[in-house]
Amino acid sequence: MIEVEYVALPKRGISEETCRRFKYGVGVNRDGDPVQVANYKGVQKIRGADKSFAWLGSPPGTLFGQEMWRPQKRLVITEGEIDALSYAEATDCKWPVVSVPNGAQGAARTIADQIEWVSGFDEVIFLFDQDEAGQLAAKECAALLTPGKALLGTLPRKDANEVLLELGAGELYKAPFTARPFRPDGIVEGVDLIERVLTPPEQGLAYPWPGLDSYLHGQRRGEMVTWVAGTGVGKSQVLREVAHHLWTTHGERVGVIALEEATQNSALSQVSLHLNQPLHVPEVRSTVSDEKLAAAAEEILPGFAFYDHWGSVEGDTLLPKIRFMAHAMGIRWIVLDHLSIMVSGMAAEGDERKRLDQLTTQIRSLCSELDIGLHIISHLRKASGTPHEEGGAISLQDIRGSGAPAQLSDAVVGLERNQQAETPELRNLTRVRVLKNRLTGETGEATCLAYNNNSGRLVETQPLVEEIFDGDGDF
């Protein structure tokens, strides 16, 4: 054990009397170096000049200063011994204060070990450091106590000692009186939402087609929109138009994760839209000079980031890429084409329905966490009546594998096209049906899109419904 002398700590603003009462002093270690010593029950915690810590004896699992107090009205718990001494200094050692012995990392375990003693106080204020680690530890500790007993203190500086030194004892003294009751994450008092309620509802960024906007009132960050259609109906083309519109009209960069095409093809499709020419058709490409193509690419492609998947389509691989696009690249809109292939690429654990549920839940949580707008494509199961590829009407029950995409999406949009219709005009006509609309609940046939073979674009049109569709809603 190190022989301890109790003296004032002027650089910390702590008096000799406070140090003596808490048995915190100075001494010399076996190497002759000066150290500070915190006496716990039967052991000592040594603080070196380089802020390193060591124990003489086994850590006792108790709180620093615990033996000084009997349970009463209020207990303040800090993250370190110096902070506990600082609060004691500000209150003339009249109010119970202790600290955890091993900082934020081991705080919850110590509180759990001493839960009976801590719970003897009417209220417990955690006055931890204001950094991320300290605040997380404070919440973990508070969650161990009976609901309503724990409070979280807020300090105008990093820790209690900085408040004492820079703002004075009076500012530190009143910190517990401004502490807020701890509530588990996710529980919000109604009065705390008044300002949000008064905020006007957000008008989303317009879609390329006013008919769809009249139902969905635009697209918003934090929302997930699922698009469904039969095989070959044109889901990818519709999403290319949406992505193109986000950049050219709204100036919003878009991350494109197209799992069934190479990145150069995804990029070329955006250049095609920009030039109003289907450049994937050899005869069309031959009419466009390299100079014109390069100029268009330089103008349009800065608005996009494409994921080169190299055949890796598992959810565990793709989700971090979305996170990177949002955090590192500042991208706030993602197009994911398509969800079903991500499920087929996942490890074969459980059935497809379960994997799809898990993946959709992860994607929806990521959408909210990152505050991004997310457009995803999901496939349909085989129709019991008119095939979807022949214009059969789509319902939410037709989504392949699981109800999760329908349940978790803010909107679901079905695309219906009869690829076997009698005339080219009808074969190129897509009906857009809103199947789910969390914003207003309004669903139904929103608009029709006609594909122009010359421009490669989808143009909104309003044909007479009775001339195109039969009484069952099919083409």
Protein backbone atom coordinates (compact mmCIF):
# COMPACT_ATOMS: atom_id res chain seq x y z
CA MET A 1 0.00 0.00 0.00
CA ILE A 2 1.20 3.54 -0.69
CA GLU A 3 1.47 5.97 2.21
CA VAL A 4 -0.90 8.83 1.48
CA GLU A 5 -0.79 12.51 2.36
CA TYR A 6 -4.01 14.49 2.15
CA VAL A 7 -3.43 17.86 0.52
CA ALA A 8 -5.36 20.33 -1.60
CA LEU A 9 -5.43 19.87 -5.35
CA PRO A 10 -5.29 23.50 -6.52
CA LYS A 11 -5.16 22.63 -10.24
CA ARG A 12 -8.44 20.79 -9.74
CA GLY A 13 -10.05 23.38 -7.47
CA ILE A 14 -10.40 20.83 -4.64
CA SER A 15 -9.61 21.61 -1.00
CA GLU A 16 -7.61 19.57 1.50
CA GLU A 17 -10.73 19.00 3.63
CA THR A 18 -12.63 17.43 0.72
CA CYS A 19 -9.67 15.16 -0.13
CA ARG A 20 -9.34 14.11 3.51
CA ARG A 21 -12.99 13.24 3.91
CA PHE A 22 -12.93 11.10 0.76
CA LYS A 23 -9.47 9.66 1.54
CA TYR A 24 -8.03 10.87 -1.74
CA GLY A 25 -4.41 11.90 -1.49
CA VAL A 26 -0.95 11.97 -3.00
CA GLY A 27 2.05 9.68 -2.55
CA VAL A 28 5.01 8.10 -4.28
CA ASN A 29 4.97 4.76 -6.11
CA ARG A 30 7.71 2.11 -5.95
CA ASP A 31 9.60 3.87 -8.75
CA GLY A 32 9.65 7.13 -6.83
CA ASP A 33 7.16 8.83 -9.14
CA PRO A 34 4.46 11.08 -7.67
CA VAL A 35 0.94 9.63 -7.92
CA GLN A 36 -2.57 10.37 -6.75
CA VAL A 37 -4.26 7.70 -4.66
CA ALA A 38 -7.98 6.94 -4.30
CA ASN A 39 -8.64 4.75 -1.28
CA TYR A 40 -11.41 2.24 -1.73
CA LYS A 41 -12.44 -0.38 0.79
CA GLY A 42 -9.15 -2.16 1.48
CA VAL A 43 -7.50 -1.33 -1.87
CA GLN A 44 -6.00 1.66 -3.64
CA LYS A 45 -6.47 3.01 -7.14
CA ILE A 46 -3.35 4.77 -8.42
CA ARG A 47 -3.39 7.62 -10.93
CA GLY A 48 -0.06 8.39 -12.56
CA ALA A 49 1.16 11.69 -13.96
CA ASP A 50 0.45 10.34 -17.46
CA LYS A 51 -3.20 9.66 -16.50
CA SER A 52 -2.57 5.91 -16.36
CA PHE A 53 -4.45 3.91 -13.71
CA ALA A 54 -3.52 0.83 -11.70
CA TRP A 55 -4.94 -1.04 -8.72
CA LEU A 56 -3.05 -2.10 -5.61
CA GLY A 57 -5.20 -5.07 -4.68
CA SER A 58 -8.23 -6.50 -6.44
CA PRO A 59 -10.85 -3.93 -7.54
CA PRO A 60 -13.54 -4.12 -4.85
CA GLY A 61 -16.59 -3.66 -7.06
CA THR A 62 -17.79 -0.80 -4.85
CA LEU A 63 -18.24 2.87 -5.61
CA PHE A 64 -15.69 5.49 -4.62
CA GLY A 65 -16.96 7.22 -1.49
CA GLN A 66 -19.72 4.67 -0.90
CA GLU A 67 -18.82 4.00 2.76
CA MET A 68 -19.37 7.69 3.59
CA TRP A 69 -23.12 7.74 2.98
CA ARG A 70 -26.29 6.09 4.11
CA PRO A 71 -29.22 5.97 1.67
CA GLN A 72 -31.35 9.13 1.86
CA LYS A 73 -33.08 11.49 -0.56
CA ARG A 74 -30.58 12.06 -3.34
CA LEU A 75 -27.42 10.42 -4.70
CA VAL A 76 -25.15 11.85 -7.40
CA ILE A 77 -22.94 9.41 -9.31
CA THR A 78 -20.07 10.65 -11.46
CA GLU A 79 -17.79 8.90 -13.92
CA GLY A 80 -14.51 9.44 -12.04
CA GLU A 81 -13.07 10.19 -8.59
CA ILE A 82 -11.99 13.76 -9.46
CA ASP A 83 -15.52 14.55 -10.65
CA ALA A 84 -16.98 13.16 -7.42
CA LEU A 85 -14.56 15.34 -5.41
CA SER A 86 -15.53 18.33 -7.58
CA TYR A 87 -19.23 17.90 -6.80
CA ALA A 88 -18.45 17.39 -3.12
CA GLU A 89 -16.43 20.62 -3.18
CA ALA A 90 -19.36 22.50 -4.72
CA THR A 91 -21.73 21.25 -1.99
CA ASP A 92 -19.37 21.45 1.04
CA CYS A 93 -19.50 17.63 1.21
CA LYS A 94 -23.11 17.79 2.41
CA TRP A 95 -24.80 15.83 -0.37
CA PRO A 96 -24.03 12.19 -1.16
CA VAL A 97 -21.80 11.75 -4.17
CA VAL A 98 -19.85 8.71 -5.40
CA SER A 99 -18.12 7.66 -8.60
CA VAL A 100 -17.78 4.43 -10.54
CA PRO A 101 -14.31 2.88 -10.20
CA ASN A 102 -13.49 2.04 -13.80
CA GLY A 103 -15.00 4.82 -15.88
CA ALA A 104 -17.77 4.53 -18.43
CA GLN A 105 -16.78 1.09 -19.69
CA GLY A 106 -17.43 -0.75 -16.44
CA ALA A 107 -20.05 1.58 -14.96
CA ALA A 108 -23.15 -0.56 -15.51
CA ARG A 109 -21.55 -3.64 -13.98
CA THR A 110 -20.60 -1.75 -10.81
CA ILE A 111 -24.08 -0.26 -10.47
CA ALA A 112 -25.56 -3.74 -10.92
CA ASP A 113 -23.26 -5.09 -8.19
CA GLN A 114 -24.32 -2.28 -5.82
CA ILE A 115 -27.93 -2.02 -6.94
CA GLU A 116 -29.36 -2.64 -3.47
CA TRP A 117 -27.37 0.22 -1.91
CA VAL A 118 -27.96 2.60 -4.84
CA SER A 119 -31.69 1.83 -4.90
CA GLY A 120 -31.94 2.87 -1.24
CA PHE A 121 -31.89 6.53 -2.34
CA ASP A 122 -35.09 8.23 -3.40
CA GLU A 123 -33.51 9.52 -6.60
CA VAL A 124 -30.21 8.88 -8.34
CA ILE A 125 -28.62 11.46 -10.67
CA PHE A 126 -26.02 10.20 -13.14
CA LEU A 127 -23.66 13.14 -13.76
CA PHE A 128 -21.38 11.43 -16.26
CA ASP A 129 -19.09 12.99 -18.87
CA GLN A 130 -20.92 14.66 -21.73
CA ASP A 131 -19.16 12.68 -24.48
CA GLU A 132 -20.83 9.82 -26.34
CA ALA A 133 -19.29 7.09 -24.17
CA GLY A 134 -20.30 8.82 -20.95
CA GLN A 135 -23.88 9.45 -22.02
CA LEU A 136 -24.32 5.89 -23.26
CA ALA A 137 -22.97 4.54 -19.97
CA ALA A 138 -25.30 6.81 -18.00
CA LYS A 139 -28.30 5.42 -19.86
CA GLU A 140 -27.14 1.84 -19.32
CA CYS A 141 -26.80 2.49 -15.58
CA ALA A 142 -30.12 4.31 -15.31
CA ALA A 143 -31.91 1.42 -17.00
CA LEU A 144 -30.93 -0.83 -14.07
CA LEU A 145 -32.94 1.18 -11.54
CA THR A 146 -36.64 1.17 -10.74
CA PRO A 147 -38.49 3.31 -13.33
CA GLY A 148 -38.77 6.91 -12.15
CA LYS A 149 -35.79 6.77 -9.77
CA ALA A 150 -32.95 7.57 -12.19
CA LEU A 151 -32.22 11.01 -13.67
CA LEU A 152 -29.66 12.05 -16.29
CA GLY A 153 -27.68 15.21 -15.58
CA THR A 154 -26.49 17.64 -18.23
CA LEU A 155 -23.32 19.69 -17.80
CA PRO A 156 -22.28 22.85 -19.68
CA ARG A 157 -18.74 21.47 -19.94
CA LYS A 158 -17.25 18.04 -20.62
CA ASP A 159 -17.26 16.90 -16.98
CA ALA A 160 -17.92 18.06 -13.42
CA ASN A 161 -14.35 19.20 -12.77
CA GLU A 162 -14.32 21.41 -15.87
CA VAL A 163 -17.56 23.03 -14.69
CA LEU A 164 -16.05 23.68 -11.26
CA LEU A 165 -12.88 25.20 -12.69
CA GLU A 166 -14.39 27.25 -15.52
CA LEU A 167 -17.88 28.19 -14.32
CA GLY A 168 -17.63 27.89 -10.54
CA ALA A 169 -19.16 25.90 -7.70
CA GLY A 170 -22.60 27.50 -8.11
CA GLU A 171 -23.03 26.16 -11.64
CA LEU A 172 -22.04 22.65 -10.59
CA TYR A 173 -24.20 22.83 -7.45
CA LYS A 174 -27.39 23.32 -9.48
CA ALA A 175 -26.69 20.58 -12.05
CA PRO A 176 -28.85 17.92 -10.30
CA PHE A 177 -31.82 20.30 -10.24
CA THR A 178 -31.89 20.42 -14.05
CA ALA A 179 -31.48 16.66 -14.49
CA ARG A 180 -34.20 15.01 -16.56
CA PRO A 181 -35.93 11.75 -15.67
CA PHE A 182 -34.51 8.80 -17.56
CA ARG A 183 -36.76 7.18 -20.12
CA PRO A 184 -35.77 4.23 -22.29
CA ASP A 185 -35.05 5.18 -25.90
CA GLY A 186 -38.19 5.48 -27.99
CA ILE A 187 -40.53 6.81 -25.28
CA VAL A 188 -41.45 10.46 -25.82
CA GLU A 189 -43.70 12.68 -23.73
CA GLY A 190 -46.56 14.18 -25.71
CA VAL A 191 -45.66 17.73 -24.65
CA ASP A 192 -42.24 17.25 -26.22
CA LEU A 193 -43.92 16.82 -29.61
CA ILE A 194 -45.84 20.10 -29.65
CA GLU A 195 -43.27 21.88 -31.80
CA ARG A 196 -43.22 19.01 -34.28
CA VAL A 197 -47.02 18.97 -34.46
CA LEU A 198 -46.97 22.67 -35.35
CA THR A 199 -44.56 22.04 -38.22
CA PRO A 200 -46.43 21.99 -41.57
CA PRO A 201 -46.43 18.60 -43.33
CA GLU A 202 -43.65 18.15 -45.85
CA GLN A 203 -44.48 18.21 -49.53
CA GLY A 204 -42.32 15.50 -51.02
CA LEU A 205 -40.13 15.84 -54.08
CA ALA A 206 -42.28 15.43 -57.17
CA TYR A 207 -42.28 12.23 -59.20
CA PRO A 208 -41.84 12.51 -62.97
CA TRP A 209 -45.58 11.94 -63.41
CA PRO A 210 -48.22 14.27 -61.89
CA GLY A 211 -50.82 11.50 -61.82
CA LEU A 212 -48.73 9.52 -59.34
CA ASP A 213 -48.00 12.66 -57.35
CA SER A 214 -51.71 13.29 -56.94
CA TYR A 215 -51.85 10.07 -54.88
CA LEU A 216 -48.50 10.00 -53.06
CA HIS A 217 -47.86 13.76 -52.71
CA GLY A 218 -44.25 13.30 -53.70
CA GLN A 219 -41.40 11.24 -52.28
CA ARG A 220 -39.82 11.93 -48.89
CA ARG A 221 -36.64 10.99 -47.09
CA GLY A 222 -37.17 8.43 -44.35
CA GLU A 223 -39.75 6.60 -46.47
CA MET A 224 -39.52 3.30 -48.32
CA VAL A 225 -41.47 2.81 -51.55
CA THR A 226 -41.79 -0.69 -53.01
CA TRP A 227 -42.46 -1.18 -56.71
CA VAL A 228 -43.90 -4.48 -57.99
CA ALA A 229 -44.73 -5.90 -61.40
CA GLY A 230 -44.56 -9.06 -63.45
CA THR A 231 -41.38 -10.21 -65.15
CA GLY A 232 -40.34 -7.96 -68.03
CA VAL A 233 -43.06 -5.39 -67.41
CA GLY A 234 -40.57 -2.55 -66.98
CA LYS A 235 -39.95 -2.01 -63.26
CA SER A 236 -36.30 -1.12 -63.79
CA GLN A 237 -37.12 1.44 -66.46
CA VAL A 238 -39.64 3.15 -64.21
CA LEU A 239 -37.06 3.39 -61.41
CA ARG A 240 -34.47 4.77 -63.85
CA GLU A 241 -36.91 7.56 -64.65
CA VAL A 242 -37.47 8.25 -60.95
CA ALA A 243 -33.72 8.39 -60.27
CA HIS A 244 -33.10 10.60 -63.31
CA HIS A 245 -35.82 13.00 -62.21
CA LEU A 246 -34.40 13.25 -58.68
CA TRP A 247 -31.10 14.50 -60.05
CA THR A 248 -32.14 16.61 -63.05
CA THR A 249 -35.18 18.25 -61.43
CA HIS A 250 -34.37 18.29 -57.71
CA GLY A 251 -30.57 18.20 -57.68
CA GLU A 252 -30.54 15.11 -55.45
CA ARG A 253 -27.77 12.56 -55.96
CA VAL A 254 -28.93 8.94 -56.18
CA GLY A 255 -27.22 5.69 -55.25
CA VAL A 256 -28.11 2.93 -57.70
CA ILE A 257 -27.81 -0.72 -56.67
CA ALA A 258 -28.88 -2.68 -59.73
CA LEU A 259 -28.16 -6.33 -59.10
CA GLU A 260 -29.09 -7.68 -62.53
CA GLU A 261 -26.99 -5.39 -64.69
CA ALA A 262 -23.42 -4.14 -64.90
CA THR A 263 -22.60 -0.65 -63.66
CA GLN A 264 -21.74 0.58 -67.16
CA ASN A 265 -25.21 -0.42 -68.33
CA SER A 266 -26.80 1.41 -65.38
CA ALA A 267 -24.76 4.48 -66.26
CA LEU A 268 -25.59 4.22 -69.96
CA SER A 269 -29.31 4.06 -69.15
CA GLN A 270 -29.07 7.43 -67.40
CA VAL A 271 -27.23 8.97 -70.34
CA SER A 272 -29.92 7.53 -72.63
CA LEU A 273 -32.65 9.25 -70.63
CA HIS A 274 -30.69 12.49 -70.71
CA LEU A 275 -30.38 12.39 -74.51
CA ASN A 276 -33.88 10.97 -75.05
CA GLN A 277 -32.35 8.18 -77.11
CA PRO A 278 -32.24 4.43 -76.28
CA LEU A 279 -28.48 4.05 -76.61
CA HIS A 280 -28.56 0.34 -75.77
CA VAL A 281 -29.98 -0.23 -79.27
CA PRO A 282 -27.00 -0.59 -81.67
CA GLU A 283 -28.69 1.28 -84.51
CA VAL A 284 -29.40 4.25 -82.23
CA ARG A 285 -25.95 4.24 -80.66
CA SER A 286 -24.33 4.39 -84.09
CA THR A 287 -26.01 7.73 -84.78
CA VAL A 288 -24.58 9.42 -81.66
CA SER A 289 -21.04 10.78 -81.81
CA ASP A 290 -18.56 10.00 -79.08
CA GLU A 291 -18.27 13.72 -78.36
CA LYS A 292 -22.00 14.09 -77.80
CA LEU A 293 -22.09 10.98 -75.65
CA ALA A 294 -19.15 12.13 -73.52
CA ALA A 295 -20.67 15.57 -73.00
CA ALA A 296 -23.96 14.05 -71.86
CA ALA A 297 -22.19 11.61 -69.56
CA GLU A 298 -20.17 14.38 -67.92
CA GLU A 299 -23.36 16.33 -67.35
CA ILE A 300 -25.60 13.59 -65.95
CA LEU A 301 -23.39 10.99 -64.26
CA PRO A 302 -22.05 13.17 -61.39
CA GLY A 303 -25.55 12.83 -59.94
CA PHE A 304 -25.17 9.08 -59.42
CA ALA A 305 -23.15 6.47 -57.59
CA PHE A 306 -23.38 2.88 -58.79
CA TYR A 307 -22.56 -0.26 -56.82
CA ASP A 308 -20.41 -2.74 -58.70
CA HIS A 309 -21.59 -5.94 -57.01
CA TRP A 310 -19.34 -8.40 -58.88
CA GLY A 311 -21.92 -11.10 -58.26
CA SER A 312 -22.09 -10.49 -54.49
CA VAL A 313 -25.73 -9.77 -53.68
CA GLU A 314 -26.12 -10.92 -50.05
CA GLY A 315 -27.86 -8.55 -47.67
CA ASP A 316 -24.95 -8.54 -45.22
CA THR A 317 -22.74 -7.24 -48.02
CA LEU A 318 -25.12 -4.71 -49.53
CA LEU A 319 -26.50 -2.99 -46.45
CA PRO A 320 -23.10 -1.56 -45.40
CA LYS A 321 -22.77 -0.14 -48.93
CA ILE A 322 -26.00 1.81 -48.44
CA ARG A 323 -24.70 3.09 -45.11
CA PHE A 324 -21.44 4.19 -46.77
CA MET A 325 -23.27 6.01 -49.56
CA ALA A 326 -25.32 7.93 -46.99
CA HIS A 327 -22.57 8.72 -44.48
CA ALA A 328 -19.46 9.12 -46.60
CA MET A 329 -20.94 10.34 -49.89
CA GLY A 330 -23.89 12.37 -48.64
CA ILE A 331 -26.35 10.47 -50.84
CA ARG A 332 -29.94 10.66 -49.58
CA TRP A 333 -31.78 8.60 -52.20
CA ILE A 334 -31.23 4.93 -52.98
CA VAL A 335 -32.69 2.74 -55.73
CA LEU A 336 -32.43 -0.99 -55.02
CA ASP A 337 -33.22 -3.34 -57.89
CA HIS A 338 -34.19 -5.81 -56.63
CA LEU A 339 -35.08 -7.24 -53.21
CA SER A 340 -35.81 -10.80 -54.33
CA ILE A 341 -32.32 -11.43 -55.68
CA MET A 342 -30.83 -10.33 -52.35
CA VAL A 343 -32.84 -13.04 -50.64
CA SER A 344 -31.79 -15.69 -53.14
CA GLY A 345 -28.16 -14.74 -52.50
CA MET A 346 -28.35 -15.09 -48.74
CA ALA A 347 -27.20 -18.16 -46.81
CA ALA A 348 -29.77 -20.92 -46.90
CA GLU A 349 -30.88 -20.64 -43.30
CA GLY A 350 -34.63 -21.02 -42.90
CA ASP A 351 -37.15 -20.56 -45.68
CA GLU A 352 -37.37 -17.69 -48.15
CA ARG A 353 -40.27 -16.07 -46.32
CA LYS A 354 -38.27 -15.75 -43.11
CA ARG A 355 -35.19 -14.40 -44.90
CA LEU A 356 -37.27 -11.86 -46.78
CA ASP A 357 -38.91 -10.69 -43.54
CA GLN A 358 -35.53 -10.23 -41.87
CA LEU A 359 -33.97 -8.42 -44.81
CA THR A 360 -36.94 -6.09 -45.33
CA THR A 361 -36.93 -5.20 -41.64
CA GLN A 362 -33.20 -4.40 -41.80
CA ILE A 363 -33.67 -2.23 -44.88
CA ARG A 364 -36.61 -0.37 -43.36
CA SER A 365 -34.67 0.32 -40.16
CA LEU A 366 -31.72 1.57 -42.20
CA CYS A 367 -34.02 3.90 -44.14
CA SER A 368 -35.19 5.54 -40.92
CA GLU A 369 -31.77 5.55 -39.26
CA LEU A 370 -30.02 7.21 -42.20
CA ASP A 371 -32.97 9.45 -43.14
CA ILE A 372 -32.81 8.38 -46.77
CA GLY A 373 -35.49 7.92 -49.39
CA LEU A 374 -35.49 4.32 -50.58
CA HIS A 375 -37.06 2.86 -53.72
CA ILE A 376 -36.95 -0.93 -53.93
CA ILE A 377 -38.23 -3.45 -56.44
CA SER A 378 -39.86 -6.67 -55.29
CA HIS A 379 -41.16 -9.52 -57.43
CA LEU A 380 -44.62 -11.10 -57.54
CA ARG A 381 -45.73 -14.68 -57.11
CA LYS A 382 -47.43 -16.46 -59.97
CA ALA A 383 -50.92 -15.07 -60.56
CA SER A 384 -53.94 -17.32 -60.06
CA GLY A 385 -55.89 -15.54 -62.80
CA THR A 386 -54.66 -13.41 -65.68
CA PRO A 387 -50.85 -13.48 -65.64
CA HIS A 388 -49.16 -10.27 -64.49
CA GLU A 389 -47.16 -10.30 -67.73
CA GLU A 390 -50.46 -10.12 -69.62
CA GLY A 391 -51.90 -7.19 -67.71
CA GLY A 392 -53.44 -8.95 -64.73
CA ALA A 393 -54.42 -6.56 -61.91
CA ILE A 394 -52.02 -6.63 -58.93
CA SER A 395 -52.91 -6.72 -55.23
CA LEU A 396 -50.74 -6.64 -52.10
CA GLN A 397 -51.28 -10.37 -51.64
CA ASP A 398 -49.44 -10.99 -54.91
CA ILE A 399 -46.05 -9.86 -53.52
CA ARG A 400 -43.69 -12.79 -53.57
CA GLY A 401 -42.70 -14.74 -50.48
CA SER A 402 -43.77 -12.56 -47.59
CA GLY A 403 -46.02 -9.77 -46.46
CA ALA A 404 -43.06 -7.81 -45.05
CA PRO A 405 -42.53 -5.48 -48.05
CA ALA A 406 -46.18 -4.51 -48.00
CA GLN A 407 -46.34 -4.12 -44.23
CA LEU A 408 -43.15 -2.10 -43.80
CA SER A 409 -43.29 0.12 -46.89
CA ASP A 410 -44.74 3.61 -46.78
CA ALA A 411 -46.09 3.11 -50.27
CA VAL A 412 -46.44 0.19 -52.66
CA VAL A 413 -46.87 0.83 -56.39
CA GLY A 414 -47.90 -1.84 -58.89
CA LEU A 415 -47.06 -1.66 -62.59
CA GLU A 416 -49.36 -3.53 -64.97
CA ARG A 417 -48.67 -4.08 -68.69
CA ASN A 418 -50.00 -6.58 -71.21
CA GLN A 419 -46.94 -7.66 -73.16
CA GLN A 420 -49.17 -9.77 -75.44
CA ALA A 421 -51.67 -7.05 -76.35
CA GLU A 422 -52.85 -6.85 -79.95
CA THR A 423 -51.28 -3.50 -80.86
CA PRO A 424 -47.83 -1.99 -80.17
CA GLU A 425 -49.48 0.98 -78.47
CA LEU A 426 -51.17 -1.27 -75.94
CA ARG A 427 -48.07 -3.40 -75.45
CA ASN A 428 -46.13 -0.26 -74.53
CA LEU A 429 -48.78 1.02 -72.09
CA THR A 430 -48.20 0.61 -68.33
CA ARG A 431 -50.90 1.23 -65.77
CA VAL A 432 -49.63 2.57 -62.43
CA ARG A 433 -51.69 1.33 -59.50
CA VAL A 434 -51.14 2.58 -55.94
CA LEU A 435 -51.60 -0.47 -53.70
CA LYS A 436 -50.63 1.12 -50.39
CA ASN A 437 -50.40 4.74 -49.32
CA ARG A 438 -49.55 5.30 -45.67
CA LEU A 439 -49.73 9.09 -46.03
CA THR A 440 -53.39 9.45 -47.03
CA GLY A 441 -54.69 5.91 -47.50
CA GLU A 442 -55.75 6.78 -51.05
CA THR A 443 -55.19 3.87 -53.43
CA GLY A 444 -56.19 2.93 -56.96
CA GLU A 445 -55.27 3.58 -60.58
CA ALA A 446 -53.06 6.66 -60.51
CA THR A 447 -51.98 7.10 -64.11
CA CYS A 448 -50.79 5.39 -67.29
CA LEU A 449 -47.32 5.55 -68.82
CA ALA A 450 -46.64 5.09 -72.50
CA TYR A 451 -43.18 3.95 -73.61
CA ASN A 452 -41.84 5.83 -76.62
CA ASN A 453 -39.60 3.56 -78.69
CA ASN A 454 -37.89 6.51 -80.36
CA SER A 455 -36.94 8.43 -77.21
CA GLY A 456 -36.75 5.49 -74.79
CA ARG A 457 -38.83 7.50 -72.31
CA LEU A 458 -41.97 6.80 -70.30
CA VAL A 459 -44.54 9.54 -70.86
CA GLU A 460 -47.66 10.02 -68.81
CA THR A 461 -50.85 9.50 -70.80
CA GLN A 462 -54.51 9.24 -69.91
CA PRO A 463 -56.28 6.81 -72.27
CA LEU A 464 -59.96 6.13 -71.85
CA VAL A 465 -60.09 3.40 -69.22
CA GLU A 466 -63.08 1.66 -70.70
CA GLU A 467 -61.30 1.31 -74.07
CA ILE A 468 -58.23 -0.30 -72.53
CA PHE A 469 -59.28 -2.34 -69.50
CA ASP A 470 -61.97 -4.96 -69.06
CA GLY A 471 -64.52 -5.09 -66.29
CA ASP A 472 -62.22 -7.14 -64.02
CA GLY A 473 -59.55 -4.45 -64.04
CA ASP A 474 -57.27 -6.46 -66.36
CA PHE A 475 -56.01 -5.20 -69.73
